[in-house]
């Protein structure tokens, strides 16, 4: 296994300074990670830069679901749902740590109609490759009496940050240079190439990198990067914040997830069991600032009031933690729920901008970008079935040491919040693991 530690990171930064690469990828979320994976597998010299830790933006703020978007059927997004379900099935079959999760859709007098959900689930199953007629189950005291019963369906779950890390490490093993805590600052055209300035926030220094091409995968910051590269699009680029809260699993013990309709605004919401907690969300509100990752009290209040339908005694004091993700959306609607969740790729010369997208269909976005790169460079790529993840996290009692040595964890929070996500999945928010994580860093530095 190839070492990928903060020590290697320093060597990579030294090597990158003044170096020349086929492609500079901006953004170390799931889309950038997938593109680095597929391009490096095809022999392209790629360098990826991420201003914080890998997967620290939107890619750590999702519902952790790998799904086809059942509610997108209401908007007749059949092609998108089919693509998402195809990718969901692939991830569940091929990505370690992903798993199937059953959901109960709760039905009552003031929710969806039984006929609507039955038809939607039948189509959802069919698009996902299964001919299965949904069955309605009577409540029988499992849920509050306002609900008459529920339908069952199945989707996927996968830790979002971990999926990013697995792709990043695979790209590194393929020969790509991947640098966290390295921010893209500026770019200028130098003949046929691009000369970019990158700031290493750990070493407090700037380096210069030349590349034939730039790929912008900056998620909520994609429009900002497009302006910096003088490739602004006329797309209606919008940002929507999705907030989640986590409460103890003992608050409402369950093995299945729950989908229900908020009686406040009739939005679909989820309660998802994960580790020692239940993740409840999510909101969908337009925001202006791509750095606005702080859950507001209004958002949290909305989630609590909505979830009280299912967990009547849920209260503010039950919240262990909260987190938010910023969705980059492309659409004109004032209601973010009406804006499609698909991605849009715009090419201007040798700059590729990727706008929008979801955790589930990152592979589809990666393949489409790879096709553009292959045409631009006049090369034949192996794209079908890509990107694949070759990295396997070592099963070892020294797992924190391994994450420092092989997954480029630079700070304890890189492990506690992302590679292990104790800050979300543990009732004590990872406090019981802090000593062991700090000890692992001291051991590596000996």
Protein backbone atom coordinates (compact mmCIF):
# COMPACT_ATOMS: atom_id res chain seq x y z
CA UNK A 1 0.00 0.00 0.00
CA UNK A 2 1.35 3.40 -1.03
CA UNK A 3 2.01 5.83 1.82
CA UNK A 4 -0.14 8.96 1.72
CA UNK A 5 0.61 10.88 4.91
CA UNK A 6 1.13 14.54 5.74
CA UNK A 7 4.85 13.85 5.19
CA UNK A 8 4.12 12.70 1.64
CA UNK A 9 1.86 15.72 1.27
CA UNK A 10 4.82 18.01 1.99
CA UNK A 11 6.93 16.21 -0.61
CA UNK A 12 4.11 16.44 -3.14
CA UNK A 13 3.82 20.19 -2.59
CA UNK A 14 7.56 20.59 -3.14
CA UNK A 15 7.29 18.54 -6.32
CA UNK A 16 4.23 20.43 -7.55
CA UNK A 17 5.86 23.85 -7.20
CA UNK A 18 6.89 24.85 -10.70
CA UNK A 19 5.66 21.55 -12.09
CA UNK A 20 3.59 20.88 -15.20
CA UNK A 21 0.47 18.70 -15.28
CA UNK A 22 -2.12 17.72 -17.83
CA UNK A 23 -4.97 18.70 -15.53
CA UNK A 24 -5.46 20.84 -12.41
CA UNK A 25 -8.61 19.81 -10.52
CA UNK A 26 -10.04 22.40 -8.13
CA UNK A 27 -12.13 20.91 -5.33
CA UNK A 28 -11.63 17.80 -3.21
CA UNK A 29 -15.27 16.85 -2.75
CA UNK A 30 -16.88 13.77 -4.26
CA UNK A 31 -16.94 15.07 -7.86
CA UNK A 32 -13.31 16.20 -7.90
CA UNK A 33 -12.24 12.98 -6.19
CA UNK A 34 -14.06 10.85 -8.76
CA UNK A 35 -12.57 12.80 -11.67
CA UNK A 36 -9.05 12.54 -10.23
CA UNK A 37 -9.63 8.80 -9.86
CA UNK A 38 -10.76 8.17 -13.44
CA UNK A 39 -8.22 10.48 -15.10
CA UNK A 40 -5.23 9.15 -13.16
CA UNK A 41 -6.31 5.59 -13.99
CA UNK A 42 -6.08 6.56 -17.65
CA UNK A 43 -2.52 7.87 -17.31
CA UNK A 44 -3.33 11.58 -17.15
CA UNK A 45 -1.00 13.56 -14.89
CA UNK A 46 -3.45 15.21 -12.52
CA UNK A 47 -3.08 17.46 -9.51
CA UNK A 48 -6.06 18.07 -7.22
CA UNK A 49 -6.19 20.92 -4.71
CA UNK A 50 -8.67 21.34 -1.86
CA UNK A 51 -8.67 24.44 0.37
CA UNK A 52 -9.61 22.46 3.49
CA UNK A 53 -9.60 18.71 4.12
CA UNK A 54 -10.86 16.33 1.47
CA UNK A 55 -14.65 16.04 1.64
CA UNK A 56 -14.98 18.88 4.13
CA UNK A 57 -17.58 20.92 2.26
CA UNK A 58 -20.90 19.73 0.91
CA UNK A 59 -19.57 16.18 0.70
CA UNK A 60 -19.60 15.86 4.48
CA UNK A 61 -22.96 17.57 4.94
CA UNK A 62 -25.36 15.22 3.17
CA UNK A 63 -28.03 12.85 4.46
CA UNK A 64 -25.53 10.02 3.80
CA UNK A 65 -28.05 8.40 1.45
CA UNK A 66 -27.20 6.75 -1.86
CA UNK A 67 -30.58 6.97 -3.53
CA UNK A 68 -32.50 7.55 -6.72
CA UNK A 69 -34.56 10.45 -5.44
CA UNK A 70 -38.04 9.04 -5.02
CA UNK A 71 -39.52 12.53 -4.78
CA UNK A 72 -37.96 13.49 -8.14
CA UNK A 73 -40.61 11.33 -9.80
CA UNK A 74 -43.13 14.04 -8.89
CA UNK A 75 -41.16 16.39 -11.14
CA UNK A 76 -41.06 13.74 -13.90
CA UNK A 77 -37.28 13.51 -13.69
CA UNK A 78 -37.40 9.89 -14.92
CA UNK A 79 -34.03 9.90 -16.68
CA UNK A 80 -32.28 11.32 -13.62
CA UNK A 81 -33.96 8.82 -11.27
CA UNK A 82 -32.98 5.93 -13.54
CA UNK A 83 -29.36 7.11 -13.65
CA UNK A 84 -29.26 7.62 -9.89
CA UNK A 85 -30.70 4.17 -9.22
CA UNK A 86 -28.17 2.59 -11.55
CA UNK A 87 -25.37 4.32 -9.66
CA UNK A 88 -26.96 3.43 -6.31
CA UNK A 89 -26.95 -0.25 -7.27
CA UNK A 90 -23.31 -0.06 -8.35
CA UNK A 91 -22.16 1.59 -5.12
CA UNK A 92 -24.07 -0.89 -2.97
CA UNK A 93 -22.45 -3.79 -4.84
CA UNK A 94 -18.91 -2.44 -5.08
CA UNK A 95 -18.13 0.06 -2.31
CA UNK A 96 -17.08 -1.23 1.05
CA UNK A 97 -18.97 0.32 3.99
CA UNK A 98 -22.05 1.02 1.86
CA UNK A 99 -25.20 -0.85 2.80
CA UNK A 100 -28.87 -1.25 1.98
CA UNK A 101 -31.32 0.48 4.28
CA UNK A 102 -35.06 -0.08 4.49
CA UNK A 103 -37.41 2.86 4.76
CA UNK A 104 -41.00 3.12 5.94
CA UNK A 105 -43.03 5.85 4.23
CA UNK A 106 -45.61 6.94 6.77
CA UNK A 107 -49.16 7.46 5.53
CA UNK A 108 -51.90 9.41 7.33
CA UNK A 109 -54.89 11.63 6.68
CA UNK A 110 -52.73 14.69 6.00
CA UNK A 111 -49.88 13.04 4.08
CA UNK A 112 -49.51 11.55 0.63
CA UNK A 113 -52.32 9.42 -0.74
CA UNK A 114 -51.80 5.66 -0.64
CA UNK A 115 -52.39 5.41 -4.39
CA UNK A 116 -49.76 8.07 -5.08
CA UNK A 117 -47.08 6.35 -3.01
CA UNK A 118 -47.98 2.88 -4.30
CA UNK A 119 -47.65 4.05 -7.91
CA UNK A 120 -44.46 6.00 -7.18
CA UNK A 121 -42.79 3.09 -5.39
CA UNK A 122 -43.77 0.65 -8.14
CA UNK A 123 -42.13 2.92 -10.73
CA UNK A 124 -39.13 3.52 -8.44
CA UNK A 125 -38.60 -0.22 -8.01
CA UNK A 126 -39.01 -0.77 -11.75
CA UNK A 127 -36.46 1.92 -12.66
CA UNK A 128 -34.12 0.35 -10.10
CA UNK A 129 -34.35 -3.06 -11.77
CA UNK A 130 -36.97 -4.75 -9.59
CA UNK A 131 -40.54 -5.73 -10.45
CA UNK A 132 -42.08 -5.40 -7.01
CA UNK A 133 -45.60 -4.31 -6.07
CA UNK A 134 -45.55 -2.16 -2.88
CA UNK A 135 -47.61 -3.42 0.03
CA UNK A 136 -49.32 -1.22 2.60
CA UNK A 137 -48.73 -2.21 6.24
CA UNK A 138 -51.17 -1.23 8.98
CA UNK A 139 -49.68 0.85 11.79
CA UNK A 140 -50.47 -1.50 14.69
CA UNK A 141 -49.05 0.91 17.25
CA UNK A 142 -45.58 1.11 15.72
CA UNK A 143 -46.01 4.83 15.04
CA UNK A 144 -48.23 7.60 16.47
CA UNK A 145 -51.93 7.05 15.79
CA UNK A 146 -52.10 9.91 13.24
CA UNK A 147 -50.41 7.51 10.84
CA UNK A 148 -52.61 4.75 9.47
CA UNK A 149 -49.67 2.70 8.27
CA UNK A 150 -46.70 2.66 5.97
CA UNK A 151 -45.13 1.38 2.76
CA UNK A 152 -41.68 -0.21 2.75
CA UNK A 153 -38.94 0.43 0.22
CA UNK A 154 -35.18 0.06 0.07
CA UNK A 155 -32.37 2.48 -0.72
CA UNK A 156 -28.67 2.80 0.10
CA UNK A 157 -26.50 4.38 2.78
CA UNK A 158 -22.81 5.26 2.64
CA UNK A 159 -20.69 7.63 4.70
CA UNK A 160 -20.14 10.58 2.36
CA UNK A 161 -16.71 11.71 3.60
CA UNK A 162 -15.39 8.17 3.53
CA UNK A 163 -16.50 7.70 -0.08
CA UNK A 164 -14.55 10.85 -0.97
CA UNK A 165 -11.45 9.63 0.84
CA UNK A 166 -11.55 6.24 -0.87
CA UNK A 167 -11.60 7.92 -4.29
CA UNK A 168 -8.85 10.37 -3.32
CA UNK A 169 -6.55 7.61 -2.06
CA UNK A 170 -7.24 5.52 -5.17
CA UNK A 171 -6.30 8.51 -7.34
CA UNK A 172 -3.12 8.96 -5.30
CA UNK A 173 -2.25 5.30 -5.78
CA UNK A 174 -2.78 5.82 -9.52
CA UNK A 175 -0.17 8.60 -9.50
CA UNK A 176 -2.26 11.74 -9.00
CA UNK A 177 -1.06 14.43 -6.62
CA UNK A 178 -3.85 15.26 -4.17
CA UNK A 179 -3.28 18.12 -1.74
CA UNK A 180 -5.64 19.06 1.07
CA UNK A 181 -5.36 22.42 2.83
CA UNK A 182 -4.20 23.89 -0.48
CA UNK A 183 -6.31 26.72 -1.90
CA UNK A 184 -6.58 27.81 -5.52
CA UNK A 185 -5.87 31.56 -5.44
CA UNK A 186 -5.46 32.81 -9.00
CA UNK A 187 -4.71 31.83 -12.57
CA UNK A 188 -3.26 33.46 -15.66
CA UNK A 189 -2.89 32.27 -19.22
CA UNK A 190 0.72 31.47 -20.10
CA UNK A 191 0.76 30.77 -23.82
CA UNK A 192 -1.21 27.57 -24.38
CA UNK A 193 -1.13 26.67 -20.69
CA UNK A 194 -2.50 27.91 -17.38
CA UNK A 195 -0.30 29.17 -14.56
CA UNK A 196 -2.10 28.82 -11.23
CA UNK A 197 -1.18 30.04 -7.77
CA UNK A 198 -1.92 27.63 -4.91
CA UNK A 199 -1.66 28.54 -1.22
CA UNK A 200 -0.57 25.87 1.26
CA UNK A 201 -2.32 26.94 4.48
CA UNK A 202 -0.24 24.55 6.61
CA UNK A 203 3.17 25.52 5.30
CA UNK A 204 2.06 29.16 4.86
CA UNK A 205 3.50 29.37 1.37
CA UNK A 206 2.38 29.84 -2.22
CA UNK A 207 3.36 27.58 -5.10
CA UNK A 208 2.90 27.91 -8.85
CA UNK A 209 1.56 25.10 -11.00
CA UNK A 210 1.28 24.90 -14.79
CA UNK A 211 -1.39 22.81 -16.48
CA UNK A 212 -2.88 22.18 -19.90
CA UNK A 213 -6.39 22.13 -18.48
CA UNK A 214 -8.36 23.26 -15.42
CA UNK A 215 -11.37 21.38 -14.10
CA UNK A 216 -13.57 23.30 -11.67
CA UNK A 217 -15.34 20.96 -9.21
CA UNK A 218 -15.69 23.42 -6.36
CA UNK A 219 -19.34 22.65 -5.53
CA UNK A 220 -20.93 25.71 -3.87
CA UNK A 221 -17.85 27.75 -4.84
CA UNK A 222 -17.94 26.66 -8.51
CA UNK A 223 -19.34 29.98 -9.72
CA UNK A 224 -16.59 31.86 -7.86
CA UNK A 225 -13.90 29.70 -9.47
CA UNK A 226 -15.53 30.12 -12.90
CA UNK A 227 -15.22 33.89 -12.51
CA UNK A 228 -11.55 33.52 -11.54
CA UNK A 229 -10.91 31.55 -14.74
CA UNK A 230 -12.92 34.02 -16.86
CA UNK A 231 -15.36 31.30 -17.87
CA UNK A 232 -18.57 32.55 -16.31
CA UNK A 233 -21.68 30.82 -17.60
CA UNK A 234 -25.16 32.23 -18.00
CA UNK A 235 -26.58 29.40 -15.93
CA UNK A 236 -29.01 30.25 -13.09
CA UNK A 237 -26.66 29.06 -10.33
CA UNK A 238 -28.28 28.85 -6.90
CA UNK A 239 -27.35 27.56 -3.47
CA UNK A 240 -29.64 25.67 -1.11
CA UNK A 241 -28.81 24.82 2.49
CA UNK A 242 -29.77 21.45 3.90
CA UNK A 243 -29.63 21.18 7.71
CA UNK A 244 -29.66 17.95 9.75
CA UNK A 245 -29.78 17.23 13.46
CA UNK A 246 -28.60 14.13 15.30
CA UNK A 247 -30.29 12.72 18.41
CA UNK A 248 -29.69 9.58 20.42
CA UNK A 249 -30.97 6.40 18.81
CA UNK A 250 -32.59 5.56 22.13
CA UNK A 251 -35.02 8.44 21.52
CA UNK A 252 -36.92 6.32 19.02
CA UNK A 253 -35.31 2.86 18.64
CA UNK A 254 -35.59 1.61 15.07
CA UNK A 255 -33.69 -0.32 12.44
CA UNK A 256 -35.48 1.07 9.39
CA UNK A 257 -35.33 4.62 8.19
CA UNK A 258 -38.49 6.70 8.08
CA UNK A 259 -39.76 8.98 5.33
CA UNK A 260 -42.57 11.33 6.28
CA UNK A 261 -44.25 14.53 5.17
CA UNK A 262 -43.70 17.68 7.21
CA UNK A 263 -47.06 19.17 8.14
CA UNK A 264 -45.46 22.62 8.07
CA UNK A 265 -44.86 22.81 4.32
CA UNK A 266 -45.52 19.25 3.02
CA UNK A 267 -41.85 18.54 2.30
CA UNK A 268 -40.52 14.99 2.41
CA UNK A 269 -38.21 14.41 5.37
CA UNK A 270 -36.15 11.51 6.71
CA UNK A 271 -35.19 9.94 10.02
CA UNK A 272 -32.15 7.73 9.45
CA UNK A 273 -30.46 5.42 11.98
CA UNK A 274 -26.65 5.77 11.78
CA UNK A 275 -24.28 4.46 14.42
CA UNK A 276 -25.53 5.51 17.86
CA UNK A 277 -27.75 8.30 16.53
CA UNK A 278 -30.73 9.18 14.41
CA UNK A 279 -30.07 11.74 11.68
CA UNK A 280 -33.15 13.88 11.03
CA UNK A 281 -33.53 16.26 8.12
CA UNK A 282 -33.46 18.04 5.95
CA UNK A 283 -34.22 21.67 5.12
CA UNK A 284 -34.06 23.16 1.62
CA UNK A 285 -33.62 26.95 1.77
CA UNK A 286 -31.91 29.22 -0.72
CA UNK A 287 -28.84 31.06 0.58
CA UNK A 288 -26.42 33.54 -0.97
CA UNK A 289 -23.16 32.66 0.75
CA UNK A 290 -21.38 29.37 -0.16
CA UNK A 291 -19.65 29.50 3.24
CA UNK A 292 -22.95 29.59 5.15
CA UNK A 293 -22.63 26.13 6.72
CA UNK A 294 -23.94 27.11 10.16
CA UNK A 295 -27.38 25.62 10.99
CA UNK A 296 -29.73 28.43 12.02
CA UNK A 297 -32.13 28.20 14.94
CA UNK A 298 -35.02 28.57 12.48
CA UNK A 299 -33.81 25.53 10.54
CA UNK A 300 -33.40 23.47 13.70
CA UNK A 301 -36.81 24.53 14.98
CA UNK A 302 -38.36 23.51 11.66
CA UNK A 303 -36.82 20.03 11.88
CA UNK A 304 -37.94 19.52 15.48
CA UNK A 305 -41.50 20.69 14.84
CA UNK A 306 -41.71 18.48 11.74
CA UNK A 307 -40.26 15.40 13.43
CA UNK A 308 -42.58 15.71 16.44
CA UNK A 309 -45.20 14.05 14.25
CA UNK A 310 -43.14 10.86 14.51
CA UNK A 311 -41.32 11.44 17.82
CA UNK A 312 -43.83 13.47 19.87
CA UNK A 313 -41.54 14.22 22.84
CA UNK A 314 -38.60 15.38 20.68
CA UNK A 315 -37.15 18.58 22.11
CA UNK A 316 -34.30 21.03 21.58
CA UNK A 317 -32.41 19.48 24.49
CA UNK A 318 -32.29 16.12 22.68
CA UNK A 319 -30.04 17.46 19.94
CA UNK A 320 -26.51 16.06 20.15
CA UNK A 321 -25.21 17.98 17.17
CA UNK A 322 -26.35 19.61 13.93
CA UNK A 323 -24.68 20.11 10.57
CA UNK A 324 -25.44 21.59 7.16
CA UNK A 325 -24.53 21.09 3.53
CA UNK A 326 -24.83 23.59 0.69
CA UNK A 327 -26.36 22.18 -2.50
CA UNK A 328 -25.26 23.84 -5.76
CA UNK A 329 -28.36 23.92 -7.99
CA UNK A 330 -28.98 24.92 -11.59
CA UNK A 331 -32.47 26.29 -12.18
CA UNK A 332 -34.78 29.31 -12.25
CA UNK A 333 -37.41 28.27 -9.69
CA UNK A 334 -37.77 30.26 -6.48
CA UNK A 335 -38.61 27.03 -4.64
CA UNK A 336 -35.38 25.00 -4.44
CA UNK A 337 -37.46 21.84 -4.19
CA UNK A 338 -38.54 22.44 -7.79
CA UNK A 339 -34.97 22.74 -9.12
CA UNK A 340 -33.50 19.55 -10.66
CA UNK A 341 -30.64 17.89 -8.78
CA UNK A 342 -28.70 16.96 -11.92
CA UNK A 343 -25.27 18.32 -12.83
CA UNK A 344 -24.37 20.59 -15.75
CA UNK A 345 -20.94 20.63 -17.41
CA UNK A 346 -19.76 23.71 -19.31
CA UNK A 347 -16.57 23.79 -21.35
CA UNK A 348 -14.76 26.94 -22.39
CA UNK A 349 -11.54 26.14 -24.22
CA UNK A 350 -9.48 24.04 -21.82
CA UNK A 351 -11.47 24.97 -18.72
CA UNK A 352 -14.23 22.60 -17.64
CA UNK A 353 -16.78 23.78 -15.07
CA UNK A 354 -18.94 21.24 -13.27
CA UNK A 355 -22.06 22.75 -11.71
CA UNK A 356 -24.44 20.88 -9.41
CA UNK A 357 -24.60 17.13 -8.91
CA UNK A 358 -25.21 14.64 -6.13
CA UNK A 359 -23.23 12.18 -4.06
CA UNK A 360 -25.02 9.29 -5.77
CA UNK A 361 -24.20 10.22 -9.37
CA UNK A 362 -20.60 11.37 -8.92
CA UNK A 363 -19.41 8.51 -11.15
CA UNK A 364 -21.67 9.65 -14.00
CA UNK A 365 -20.30 13.20 -13.72
CA UNK A 366 -16.73 11.83 -13.63
CA UNK A 367 -17.27 9.79 -16.79
CA UNK A 368 -18.74 12.72 -18.70
CA UNK A 369 -15.84 14.96 -17.73
CA UNK A 370 -13.36 12.20 -18.67
CA UNK A 371 -14.96 11.95 -22.14
CA UNK A 372 -14.45 15.69 -22.65
CA UNK A 373 -10.81 15.45 -21.52
CA UNK A 374 -10.15 12.50 -23.85
CA UNK A 375 -11.57 14.43 -26.82
CA UNK A 376 -9.63 17.59 -25.94
CA UNK A 377 -6.37 15.66 -25.64
CA UNK A 378 -7.06 13.36 -28.59
CA UNK A 379 -6.66 10.25 -26.42
CA UNK A 380 -8.64 7.07 -26.00
CA UNK A 381 -9.71 6.45 -22.39
CA UNK A 382 -11.14 3.45 -20.65
CA UNK A 383 -14.31 4.99 -19.21
CA UNK A 384 -16.99 2.29 -19.04
CA UNK A 385 -17.63 1.18 -15.46
CA UNK A 386 -15.27 3.83 -14.10
CA UNK A 387 -14.25 5.21 -11.68
CA UNK A 388 -13.48 2.19 -9.54
CA UNK A 389 -12.19 2.23 -5.98
CA UNK A 390 -9.12 0.06 -5.46
CA UNK A 391 -8.18 1.31 -1.98
CA UNK A 392 -9.17 -0.81 0.99
CA UNK A 393 -8.87 0.65 4.46
CA UNK A 394 -6.69 -1.73 6.52
CA UNK A 395 -8.55 -3.72 9.16
CA UNK A 396 -6.31 -3.04 12.12
CA UNK A 397 -6.37 -2.02 15.76
CA UNK A 398 -4.15 0.87 14.64
CA UNK A 399 -6.84 2.31 12.38
CA UNK A 400 -6.15 5.92 13.37
CA UNK A 401 -2.46 5.48 12.58
CA UNK A 402 -3.46 3.99 9.23
CA UNK A 403 -5.70 6.96 8.46
CA UNK A 404 -2.78 9.31 9.11
CA UNK A 405 -0.33 7.17 7.15
CA UNK A 406 -2.50 6.16 4.18
CA UNK A 407 -5.37 8.70 4.02
CA UNK A 408 -3.52 11.98 4.60
CA UNK A 409 -5.26 12.96 7.83
CA UNK A 410 -3.36 16.08 8.90
CA UNK A 411 -5.25 17.09 12.05
CA UNK A 412 -7.22 15.11 14.66
CA UNK A 413 -10.46 16.65 13.38
CA UNK A 414 -9.78 15.11 9.96
CA UNK A 415 -10.35 11.75 11.62
CA UNK A 416 -12.94 12.68 14.25
CA UNK A 417 -15.21 14.60 11.84
CA UNK A 418 -14.56 12.94 8.47
CA UNK A 419 -12.63 9.67 8.18
CA UNK A 420 -14.50 8.19 11.17
CA UNK A 421 -17.25 10.84 11.60
CA UNK A 422 -17.46 10.24 15.35
CA UNK A 423 -18.63 13.86 15.64
CA UNK A 424 -21.91 12.74 14.07
CA UNK A 425 -22.37 9.02 14.73
CA UNK A 426 -21.44 8.84 18.42
CA UNK A 427 -23.61 10.02 21.31
CA UNK A 428 -20.53 11.52 22.97
CA UNK A 429 -19.54 13.17 19.65
CA UNK A 430 -16.23 11.30 19.65
CA UNK A 431 -14.94 12.62 22.96
CA UNK A 432 -14.07 9.07 24.06
CA UNK A 433 -11.87 8.68 20.95
CA UNK A 434 -9.98 11.98 21.15
CA UNK A 435 -7.20 10.60 23.35
CA UNK A 436 -6.54 7.66 21.01
CA UNK A 437 -6.58 9.89 17.92
CA UNK A 438 -4.13 12.37 19.49
CA UNK A 439 -1.94 9.45 20.54
CA UNK A 440 -1.87 8.19 16.94
CA UNK A 441 -0.55 11.55 15.73
CA UNK A 442 2.15 11.52 18.39
CA UNK A 443 3.16 7.98 17.39
CA UNK A 444 3.50 8.94 13.72
CA UNK A 445 5.67 11.95 14.61
CA UNK A 446 8.18 9.93 16.61
